[in-house]
Amino acid sequence: MISDVGKLCKHIRSFPLTEGENKTKLPFLSIYIFKKRKMDMPQMNHFYIYVVMDGSVRLYTPSGIMDYLPG
């Protein structure tokens, strides 16, 4: 599974991405790049997935704090 994550990260890095939202050719799919320490949570009426490629993400949720590392 680790190699699959590595392939996904390498593929994502091949896109010309900028800070913030980057729309894709797929409807309802955007890639977000955040380099700041704090970011807004996505709208809860939409599905989302986090892929942490560098650094970490800490989410404060009603069920507790969740930390995500690369991969």
C-alpha atoms as a PDB file:
ATOM      1  CA  MET A   1       0.000   0.000   0.000  1.00  0.00           C
ATOM      2  CA  ILE A   2       2.846   2.408   0.750  1.00  0.00           C
ATOM      3  CA  SER A   3       4.077   2.177  -2.839  1.00  0.00           C
ATOM      4  CA  ASP A   4       0.557   3.019  -4.073  1.00  0.00           C
ATOM      5  CA  VAL A   5       0.522   6.140  -1.895  1.00  0.00           C
ATOM      6  CA  GLY A   6       3.953   7.044  -3.227  1.00  0.00           C
ATOM      7  CA  LYS A   7       2.699   6.680  -6.802  1.00  0.00           C
ATOM      8  CA  LEU A   8      -0.326   8.851  -6.028  1.00  0.00           C
ATOM      9  CA  CYS A   9       1.853  11.571  -4.471  1.00  0.00           C
ATOM     10  CA  LYS A  10       4.252  11.497  -7.418  1.00  0.00           C
ATOM     11  CA  HIS A  11       1.331  11.783  -9.849  1.00  0.00           C
ATOM     12  CA  ILE A  12      -0.214  14.693  -7.909  1.00  0.00           C
ATOM     13  CA  ARG A  13       3.138  16.505  -7.788  1.00  0.00           C
ATOM     14  CA  SER A  14       3.314  16.332 -11.599  1.00  0.00           C
ATOM     15  CA  PHE A  15       0.345  18.755 -11.841  1.00  0.00           C
ATOM     16  CA  PRO A  16       0.979  22.523 -12.047  1.00  0.00           C
ATOM     17  CA  LEU A  17      -0.643  23.267  -8.666  1.00  0.00           C
ATOM     18  CA  THR A  18      -0.921  26.588  -6.861  1.00  0.00           C
ATOM     19  CA  GLU A  19      -1.847  27.563  -3.296  1.00  0.00           C
ATOM     20  CA  GLY A  20      -5.559  27.068  -2.581  1.00  0.00           C
ATOM     21  CA  GLU A  21      -8.080  25.331  -4.834  1.00  0.00           C
ATOM     22  CA  ASN A  22      -6.981  23.648  -8.064  1.00  0.00           C
ATOM     23  CA  LYS A  23      -9.888  22.400 -10.169  1.00  0.00           C
ATOM     24  CA  THR A  24      -9.459  19.180 -12.151  1.00  0.00           C
ATOM     25  CA  LYS A  25     -11.057  17.835 -15.324  1.00  0.00           C
ATOM     26  CA  LEU A  26     -13.204  15.566 -13.162  1.00  0.00           C
ATOM     27  CA  PRO A  27     -16.471  17.175 -12.052  1.00  0.00           C
ATOM     28  CA  PHE A  28     -16.671  17.803  -8.303  1.00  0.00           C
ATOM     29  CA  LEU A  29     -12.961  17.038  -7.750  1.00  0.00           C
ATOM     30  CA  SER A  30     -10.514  19.730  -6.704  1.00  0.00           C
ATOM     31  CA  ILE A  31      -7.009  19.510  -5.257  1.00  0.00           C
ATOM     32  CA  TYR A  32      -6.174  21.957  -2.502  1.00  0.00           C
ATOM     33  CA  ILE A  33      -2.682  23.026  -1.528  1.00  0.00           C
ATOM     34  CA  PHE A  34      -2.210  24.641   1.890  1.00  0.00           C
ATOM     35  CA  LYS A  35       1.121  25.950   3.097  1.00  0.00           C
ATOM     36  CA  LYS A  36      -0.226  27.972   6.025  1.00  0.00           C
ATOM     37  CA  ARG A  37      -0.560  26.683   9.569  1.00  0.00           C
ATOM     38  CA  LYS A  38      -4.365  26.918   9.699  1.00  0.00           C
ATOM     39  CA  MET A  39      -6.984  26.150   7.072  1.00  0.00           C
ATOM     40  CA  ASP A  40     -10.760  26.149   6.925  1.00  0.00           C
ATOM     41  CA  MET A  41     -12.586  22.839   7.049  1.00  0.00           C
ATOM     42  CA  PRO A  42     -14.379  21.846   3.845  1.00  0.00           C
ATOM     43  CA  GLN A  43     -18.147  22.151   3.629  1.00  0.00           C
ATOM     44  CA  MET A  44     -19.682  19.181   5.384  1.00  0.00           C
ATOM     45  CA  ASN A  45     -22.316  18.696   2.680  1.00  0.00           C
ATOM     46  CA  HIS A  46     -19.579  17.555   0.256  1.00  0.00           C
ATOM     47  CA  PHE A  47     -17.392  14.461   0.389  1.00  0.00           C
ATOM     48  CA  TYR A  48     -13.686  15.010   0.922  1.00  0.00           C
ATOM     49  CA  ILE A  49     -10.483  13.072   1.411  1.00  0.00           C
ATOM     50  CA  TYR A  50      -7.141  14.266   2.740  1.00  0.00           C
ATOM     51  CA  VAL A  51      -3.873  13.087   1.239  1.00  0.00           C
ATOM     52  CA  VAL A  52      -0.992  14.457   3.301  1.00  0.00           C
ATOM     53  CA  MET A  53       2.081  14.543   1.104  1.00  0.00           C
ATOM     54  CA  ASP A  54       4.374  16.726   3.258  1.00  0.00           C
ATOM     55  CA  GLY A  55       4.053  18.001   6.787  1.00  0.00           C
ATOM     56  CA  SER A  56       1.010  17.080   8.835  1.00  0.00           C
ATOM     57  CA  VAL A  57      -2.652  17.931   9.362  1.00  0.00           C
ATOM     58  CA  ARG A  58      -4.381  18.196  12.734  1.00  0.00           C
ATOM     59  CA  LEU A  59      -8.176  18.154  12.628  1.00  0.00           C
ATOM     60  CA  TYR A  60     -10.297  19.282  15.547  1.00  0.00           C
ATOM     61  CA  THR A  61     -13.524  17.315  15.235  1.00  0.00           C
ATOM     62  CA  PRO A  62     -16.515  16.774  17.526  1.00  0.00           C
ATOM     63  CA  SER A  63     -15.128  13.295  18.277  1.00  0.00           C
ATOM     64  CA  GLY A  64     -11.637  14.567  19.182  1.00  0.00           C
ATOM     65  CA  ILE A  65      -8.310  15.617  17.696  1.00  0.00           C
ATOM     66  CA  MET A  66      -7.064  13.652  14.688  1.00  0.00           C
ATOM     67  CA  ASP A  67      -3.445  13.929  13.457  1.00  0.00           C
ATOM     68  CA  TYR A  68      -2.455  12.878   9.937  1.00  0.00           C
ATOM     69  CA  LEU A  69       1.105  12.419   8.679  1.00  0.00           C
ATOM     70  CA  PRO A  70       2.396  11.892   5.113  1.00  0.00           C
ATOM     71  CA  GLY A  71       1.041   8.808   3.421  1.00  0.00           C
END
